[in-house]
Amino acid sequence: MPRVVVTRPIPAAALELLAKHAELWVSAEDRPLGVAELHEAVRGADAVVTLLHDRVDDAFLNAAGAALRVVANVAVGVDNVDVEACRARGVIATNTPGVLTDATADLALALILMVTRRLGEGERLLRRGERWSWSMTFHLGRGLGGKTLGVVGLGQIGTATARRCRALGMEVAYAGRRRAPADVERELEARFLPVEELLAVSDVVSLHCPLTPETRHLVDGAALRSMKPSAFLVNTTRGPVVDEGALVEALRAGVIAGAGLDVFEHEPDVHPGLLELENVVLLPHLGSATVETREAMAVLAARNVVAVLAGEAPPTPVT
């Protein structure tokens, strides 16, 4: 039977599917494997199920050897996978799009509400045991009705986030490498803008673009200074899209009003300056973290592996 390596424990439904078709090795450690551990684990594998912290590069592929046929990444993003290096060796790379769209869009909306209404600040106030009293000016946040949501990357998750914000009365603008389908633009009444103009006109900027060399530090000091002082930044895509050092300076100086972050530039580390600030909401990469979504992601990755091992086209190859 072919040998399938799973680099970290994943939901049982996916493991059961894989076990029907292959000899299965699953890491006993619920943590990212070190580079040497990872390369030793994948040696001689026909397929590897990877997670977003596993770097699939030439060294990984060399360690796996000629038997490797598929790398199934349990994530939408493939910034951890050198897709071209895989193609050059005839290794198919797959990902898990679609199944985590709603969960991540829900979390993006949650961050928008938390940071604009200062909900994290309010909870921390109560947990500290501070005295408080209702008043007309106590702990005021910002409403969303009539405000502009600027979406950077109007793909599946960006579109789902925009739909949620439209329901709250927001206008939608978006930027990206290409225009969205006409029916999506009509549904959202969305304006397509250059990213520089999008940053300048938006009240909330929500990042949904993939991490590429072009989008690394897309939101840097200059980009932040182009935003409104009353605007908020939300990131649920990949941490390095934002220059965290520049963001800390902007939040401290009031260049923008606040930020909501689910991802970080050097995960799992968080810039210490962010931890000191009240006008930022911080979550530990929970975008797809529902029981249903994580199981669906893992099962889709397993289906990709099973298909390739059977000589069939996988459901979701990286294109």
Protein backbone atom coordinates (compact mmCIF):
# COMPACT_ATOMS: atom_id res chain seq x y z
CA MET A 1 0.00 0.00 0.00
CA PRO A 2 1.17 3.56 -0.56
CA ARG A 3 2.56 5.42 2.45
CA VAL A 4 0.79 8.61 3.55
CA VAL A 5 2.36 10.95 6.10
CA VAL A 6 0.22 13.36 8.13
CA THR A 7 2.47 15.93 9.77
CA ARG A 8 0.18 16.74 12.70
CA PRO A 9 -3.02 15.16 14.06
CA ILE A 10 -6.14 16.04 12.04
CA PRO A 11 -9.83 15.11 12.57
CA ALA A 12 -10.61 11.41 12.77
CA ALA A 13 -12.93 11.37 9.74
CA ALA A 14 -10.02 12.31 7.48
CA LEU A 15 -7.68 9.77 9.04
CA GLU A 16 -10.27 7.02 8.66
CA LEU A 17 -10.63 7.83 4.95
CA LEU A 18 -6.88 7.77 4.41
CA ALA A 19 -6.44 4.53 6.35
CA LYS A 20 -8.74 2.72 3.91
CA HIS A 21 -6.37 3.44 1.04
CA ALA A 22 -2.86 3.66 2.46
CA GLU A 23 -0.41 2.81 5.17
CA LEU A 24 -0.76 5.80 7.47
CA TRP A 25 1.81 7.58 9.61
CA VAL A 26 0.53 10.43 11.79
CA SER A 27 2.79 12.54 13.96
CA ALA A 28 2.20 11.80 17.63
CA GLU A 29 3.08 15.40 18.44
CA ASP A 30 0.33 18.02 18.24
CA ARG A 31 2.84 20.72 17.34
CA PRO A 32 4.73 21.86 14.26
CA LEU A 33 7.55 19.44 13.54
CA GLY A 34 11.04 20.88 13.37
CA VAL A 35 12.64 20.92 9.94
CA ALA A 36 14.77 17.86 10.60
CA GLU A 37 11.82 15.98 12.12
CA LEU A 38 9.60 16.91 9.18
CA HIS A 39 12.14 15.79 6.58
CA GLU A 40 12.71 12.50 8.38
CA ALA A 41 8.95 11.89 8.62
CA VAL A 42 8.27 12.40 4.92
CA ARG A 43 11.13 10.21 3.70
CA GLY A 44 9.77 7.68 1.17
CA ALA A 45 6.18 8.96 1.39
CA ASP A 46 3.81 8.66 -1.56
CA ALA A 47 1.66 11.46 -0.16
CA VAL A 48 1.97 14.05 2.58
CA VAL A 49 -0.83 15.94 4.30
CA THR A 50 0.68 19.24 5.41
CA LEU A 51 -0.50 22.14 7.52
CA LEU A 52 0.18 25.83 7.07
CA HIS A 53 3.30 25.79 9.26
CA ASP A 54 5.03 23.05 7.20
CA ARG A 55 7.48 24.46 4.65
CA VAL A 56 7.32 22.47 1.41
CA ASP A 57 10.43 23.48 -0.51
CA ASP A 58 13.27 21.82 -2.39
CA ALA A 59 14.76 20.44 0.81
CA PHE A 60 11.39 18.92 1.78
CA LEU A 61 10.94 17.41 -1.68
CA ASN A 62 14.48 16.05 -1.69
CA ALA A 63 13.87 14.43 1.69
CA ALA A 64 10.62 12.85 0.52
CA GLY A 65 12.20 11.36 -2.57
CA ALA A 66 10.96 10.14 -5.92
CA ALA A 67 7.94 8.27 -4.57
CA LEU A 68 6.12 11.47 -3.60
CA ARG A 69 3.05 12.09 -5.74
CA VAL A 70 0.95 14.62 -3.85
CA VAL A 71 1.22 17.26 -1.13
CA ALA A 72 -2.21 18.02 0.29
CA ASN A 73 -2.14 21.30 2.22
CA VAL A 74 -4.90 21.71 4.82
CA ALA A 75 -5.40 25.41 4.11
CA VAL A 76 -6.64 27.75 1.41
CA GLY A 77 -3.33 29.58 1.26
CA VAL A 78 -0.29 27.84 -0.18
CA ASP A 79 2.36 30.38 0.78
CA ASN A 80 4.10 27.55 2.67
CA VAL A 81 4.28 25.41 -0.49
CA ASP A 82 6.68 26.01 -3.37
CA VAL A 83 4.14 25.05 -6.01
CA GLU A 84 6.57 25.48 -8.90
CA ALA A 85 9.12 23.18 -7.24
CA CYS A 86 6.37 20.58 -6.86
CA ARG A 87 5.37 20.90 -10.51
CA ALA A 88 8.96 20.57 -11.64
CA ARG A 89 9.12 17.16 -9.90
CA GLY A 90 5.70 15.99 -11.03
CA VAL A 91 4.25 16.35 -7.52
CA ILE A 92 0.65 17.56 -7.37
CA ALA A 93 -0.09 20.26 -4.80
CA THR A 94 -3.64 20.65 -3.48
CA ASN A 95 -5.37 22.94 -1.00
CA THR A 96 -8.77 23.23 0.71
CA PRO A 97 -10.71 26.19 -0.74
CA GLY A 98 -14.41 26.81 -0.23
CA VAL A 99 -15.02 24.79 2.90
CA LEU A 100 -13.73 27.49 5.28
CA THR A 101 -15.25 30.51 3.54
CA ASP A 102 -18.15 31.12 5.90
CA ALA A 103 -16.22 30.45 9.08
CA THR A 104 -13.48 32.90 8.14
CA ALA A 105 -15.94 35.54 6.94
CA ASP A 106 -17.84 35.20 10.23
CA LEU A 107 -14.62 35.82 12.12
CA ALA A 108 -13.72 38.82 9.94
CA LEU A 109 -17.10 40.32 10.76
CA ALA A 110 -16.57 39.53 14.44
CA LEU A 111 -13.26 41.41 14.38
CA ILE A 112 -14.88 44.36 12.61
CA LEU A 113 -17.58 44.58 15.27
CA MET A 114 -15.14 44.04 18.14
CA VAL A 115 -12.73 46.76 17.09
CA THR A 116 -15.27 49.35 15.93
CA ARG A 117 -17.46 48.95 19.04
CA ARG A 118 -14.44 48.55 21.38
CA LEU A 119 -15.77 45.27 22.74
CA GLY A 120 -12.40 43.89 23.78
CA GLU A 121 -11.69 47.06 25.74
CA GLY A 122 -15.04 46.80 27.48
CA GLU A 123 -14.51 43.21 28.53
CA ARG A 124 -11.03 43.95 29.82
CA LEU A 125 -12.39 46.85 31.85
CA LEU A 126 -14.84 44.53 33.60
CA ARG A 127 -12.29 41.77 34.16
CA ARG A 128 -9.95 44.28 35.79
CA GLY A 129 -12.71 45.07 38.25
CA GLU A 130 -12.78 48.77 37.40
CA ARG A 131 -15.70 50.86 38.59
CA TRP A 132 -17.94 52.06 35.79
CA SER A 133 -21.26 53.80 35.25
CA TRP A 134 -23.45 54.14 32.19
CA SER A 135 -23.44 57.58 30.63
CA MET A 136 -24.10 59.17 27.25
CA THR A 137 -20.39 59.36 26.53
CA PHE A 138 -19.16 56.14 28.17
CA HIS A 139 -17.01 53.87 25.99
CA LEU A 140 -18.32 55.07 22.63
CA GLY A 141 -17.51 53.11 19.50
CA ARG A 142 -18.33 53.62 15.84
CA GLY A 143 -21.40 52.46 13.91
CA LEU A 144 -21.11 50.74 10.53
CA GLY A 145 -24.25 51.90 8.72
CA GLY A 146 -23.41 54.07 5.73
CA LYS A 147 -19.66 53.48 6.15
CA THR A 148 -17.40 52.01 3.48
CA LEU A 149 -15.85 48.56 3.71
CA GLY A 150 -12.72 48.27 1.62
CA VAL A 151 -11.96 44.67 0.69
CA VAL A 152 -8.47 43.87 -0.54
CA GLY A 153 -8.99 40.63 -2.46
CA LEU A 154 -12.63 39.98 -3.38
CA GLY A 155 -12.33 36.20 -3.63
CA GLN A 156 -14.62 33.74 -1.89
CA ILE A 157 -13.84 34.89 1.66
CA GLY A 158 -13.69 38.57 0.76
CA THR A 159 -17.06 38.31 -1.00
CA ALA A 160 -18.64 36.47 1.94
CA THR A 161 -17.32 39.15 4.33
CA ALA A 162 -18.70 41.90 2.10
CA ARG A 163 -22.13 40.24 2.04
CA ARG A 164 -22.21 40.24 5.83
CA CYS A 165 -21.21 43.88 5.98
CA ARG A 166 -23.79 44.86 3.36
CA ALA A 167 -26.42 43.41 5.69
CA LEU A 168 -25.23 45.93 8.28
CA GLY A 169 -25.69 48.82 5.88
CA MET A 170 -22.11 49.24 4.68
CA GLU A 171 -21.05 50.29 1.19
CA VAL A 172 -18.43 48.09 -0.50
CA ALA A 173 -15.31 48.96 -2.43
CA TYR A 174 -12.64 46.48 -3.42
CA ALA A 175 -9.15 46.21 -4.87
CA GLY A 176 -7.35 43.25 -6.35
CA ARG A 177 -5.39 41.85 -9.25
CA ARG A 178 -8.52 41.67 -11.38
CA ARG A 179 -12.17 42.69 -11.30
CA ALA A 180 -14.71 40.45 -9.66
CA PRO A 181 -17.41 38.79 -11.81
CA ALA A 182 -20.06 41.26 -12.94
CA ASP A 183 -22.82 39.48 -11.00
CA VAL A 184 -20.81 39.79 -7.76
CA GLU A 185 -20.22 43.50 -8.39
CA ARG A 186 -23.94 44.02 -9.01
CA GLU A 187 -24.99 42.04 -5.94
CA LEU A 188 -22.66 43.98 -3.65
CA GLU A 189 -22.94 47.27 -5.57
CA ALA A 190 -19.17 47.21 -5.23
CA ARG A 191 -16.73 49.75 -6.65
CA PHE A 192 -13.43 48.51 -8.09
CA LEU A 193 -10.63 50.87 -7.05
CA PRO A 194 -6.85 51.01 -7.11
CA VAL A 195 -5.56 49.90 -3.72
CA GLU A 196 -4.23 53.38 -2.95
CA GLU A 197 -7.66 54.93 -3.47
CA LEU A 198 -9.35 52.10 -1.58
CA LEU A 199 -7.22 52.76 1.49
CA ALA A 200 -8.01 56.47 1.36
CA VAL A 201 -11.80 56.16 1.15
CA SER A 202 -12.51 53.16 3.39
CA ASP A 203 -13.74 53.27 6.97
CA VAL A 204 -12.84 49.60 7.48
CA VAL A 205 -10.16 47.84 5.40
CA SER A 206 -10.45 44.04 5.44
CA LEU A 207 -7.55 42.04 4.00
CA HIS A 208 -8.30 38.84 2.05
CA CYS A 209 -5.49 38.69 -0.53
CA PRO A 210 -3.08 35.73 -0.67
CA LEU A 211 0.45 36.16 0.64
CA THR A 212 2.78 36.55 -2.33
CA PRO A 213 6.00 38.48 -2.86
CA GLU A 214 3.84 41.32 -4.19
CA THR A 215 1.51 41.44 -1.17
CA ARG A 216 4.14 41.02 1.56
CA HIS A 217 4.00 44.26 3.58
CA LEU A 218 1.29 45.55 1.25
CA VAL A 219 0.08 47.49 4.28
CA ASP A 220 3.21 49.36 5.34
CA GLY A 221 3.76 52.74 6.96
CA ALA A 222 2.90 54.68 3.80
CA ALA A 223 -0.28 52.68 3.25
CA LEU A 224 -1.39 53.24 6.85
CA ARG A 225 -0.75 56.98 6.56
CA SER A 226 -2.99 57.07 3.49
CA MET A 227 -5.94 55.75 5.52
CA LYS A 228 -8.41 57.92 7.42
CA PRO A 229 -7.53 58.65 11.07
CA SER A 230 -10.97 57.22 11.89
CA ALA A 231 -10.42 54.00 9.89
CA PHE A 232 -9.87 50.44 11.09
CA LEU A 233 -7.73 47.63 9.65
CA VAL A 234 -8.77 43.97 9.85
CA ASN A 235 -6.53 41.07 8.80
CA THR A 236 -7.72 37.46 8.56
CA THR A 237 -5.53 36.35 5.65
CA ARG A 238 -1.77 36.08 6.38
CA GLY A 239 0.22 38.10 8.88
CA PRO A 240 3.08 39.26 6.63
CA VAL A 241 0.65 41.19 4.42
CA VAL A 242 0.95 43.81 7.19
CA ASP A 243 4.17 45.39 8.44
CA GLU A 244 3.51 44.87 12.16
CA GLY A 245 6.15 47.36 13.29
CA ALA A 246 4.59 50.07 11.13
CA LEU A 247 1.14 49.12 12.38
CA VAL A 248 2.21 49.48 16.03
CA GLU A 249 3.57 52.96 15.31
CA ALA A 250 0.38 53.94 13.47
CA LEU A 251 -1.88 52.72 16.27
CA ARG A 252 0.19 54.47 18.93
CA ALA A 253 0.21 57.73 17.01
CA GLY A 254 -3.47 57.72 16.08
CA VAL A 255 -2.70 57.43 12.37
CA ILE A 256 -5.62 54.97 12.23
CA ALA A 257 -8.28 54.31 14.86
CA GLY A 258 -7.74 50.61 15.48
CA ALA A 259 -7.04 47.14 14.14
CA GLY A 260 -8.40 43.60 14.44
CA LEU A 261 -5.89 40.83 13.77
CA ASP A 262 -6.32 37.06 13.56
CA VAL A 263 -2.92 36.48 11.95
CA PHE A 264 0.57 37.75 12.66
CA GLU A 265 3.79 38.43 10.81
CA HIS A 266 5.87 35.95 12.83
CA GLU A 267 3.32 33.45 14.16
CA PRO A 268 3.00 32.31 16.85
CA ASP A 269 4.91 35.36 18.12
CA VAL A 270 3.03 38.65 18.34
CA HIS A 271 4.75 42.02 18.18
CA PRO A 272 5.02 43.10 21.84
CA GLY A 273 3.82 46.57 20.93
CA LEU A 274 0.46 45.18 19.87
CA LEU A 275 -0.03 43.56 23.26
CA GLU A 276 0.27 46.95 24.97
CA LEU A 277 -2.41 48.68 22.92
CA GLU A 278 -6.10 49.02 23.77
CA ASN A 279 -7.19 49.91 20.22
CA VAL A 280 -6.37 46.51 18.76
CA VAL A 281 -8.20 43.17 18.95
CA LEU A 282 -5.94 40.09 18.83
CA LEU A 283 -7.02 36.50 18.13
CA PRO A 284 -4.80 33.40 17.78
CA HIS A 285 -5.52 32.48 14.12
CA LEU A 286 -9.08 31.28 14.66
CA GLY A 287 -10.50 32.07 11.21
CA SER A 288 -11.44 28.48 10.33
CA ALA A 289 -11.65 27.26 13.91
CA THR A 290 -15.04 25.59 14.08
CA VAL A 291 -15.46 21.84 14.57
CA GLU A 292 -17.39 21.55 11.32
CA THR A 293 -14.95 23.58 9.24
CA ARG A 294 -11.75 21.94 10.43
CA GLU A 295 -13.24 18.50 9.77
CA ALA A 296 -14.34 19.56 6.29
CA MET A 297 -10.87 20.91 5.53
CA ALA A 298 -9.15 17.72 6.65
CA VAL A 299 -11.57 15.47 4.76
CA LEU A 300 -11.10 17.50 1.58
CA ALA A 301 -7.31 17.14 1.92
CA ALA A 302 -7.77 13.37 2.40
CA ARG A 303 -10.01 13.18 -0.68
CA ASN A 304 -7.28 14.92 -2.68
CA VAL A 305 -4.74 12.34 -1.54
CA VAL A 306 -7.01 9.37 -2.27
CA ALA A 307 -7.79 10.67 -5.75
CA VAL A 308 -4.14 11.16 -6.72
CA LEU A 309 -3.11 7.77 -5.34
CA ALA A 310 -5.88 6.21 -7.45
CA GLY A 311 -4.58 7.94 -10.57
CA GLU A 312 -7.47 10.40 -10.68
CA ALA A 313 -7.61 14.18 -10.74
CA PRO A 314 -7.87 15.65 -7.22
CA PRO A 315 -10.94 17.76 -6.33
CA THR A 316 -8.97 20.91 -5.53
CA PRO A 317 -5.54 21.10 -7.16
CA VAL A 318 -3.57 24.33 -6.84
CA THR A 319 -3.72 26.05 -10.23
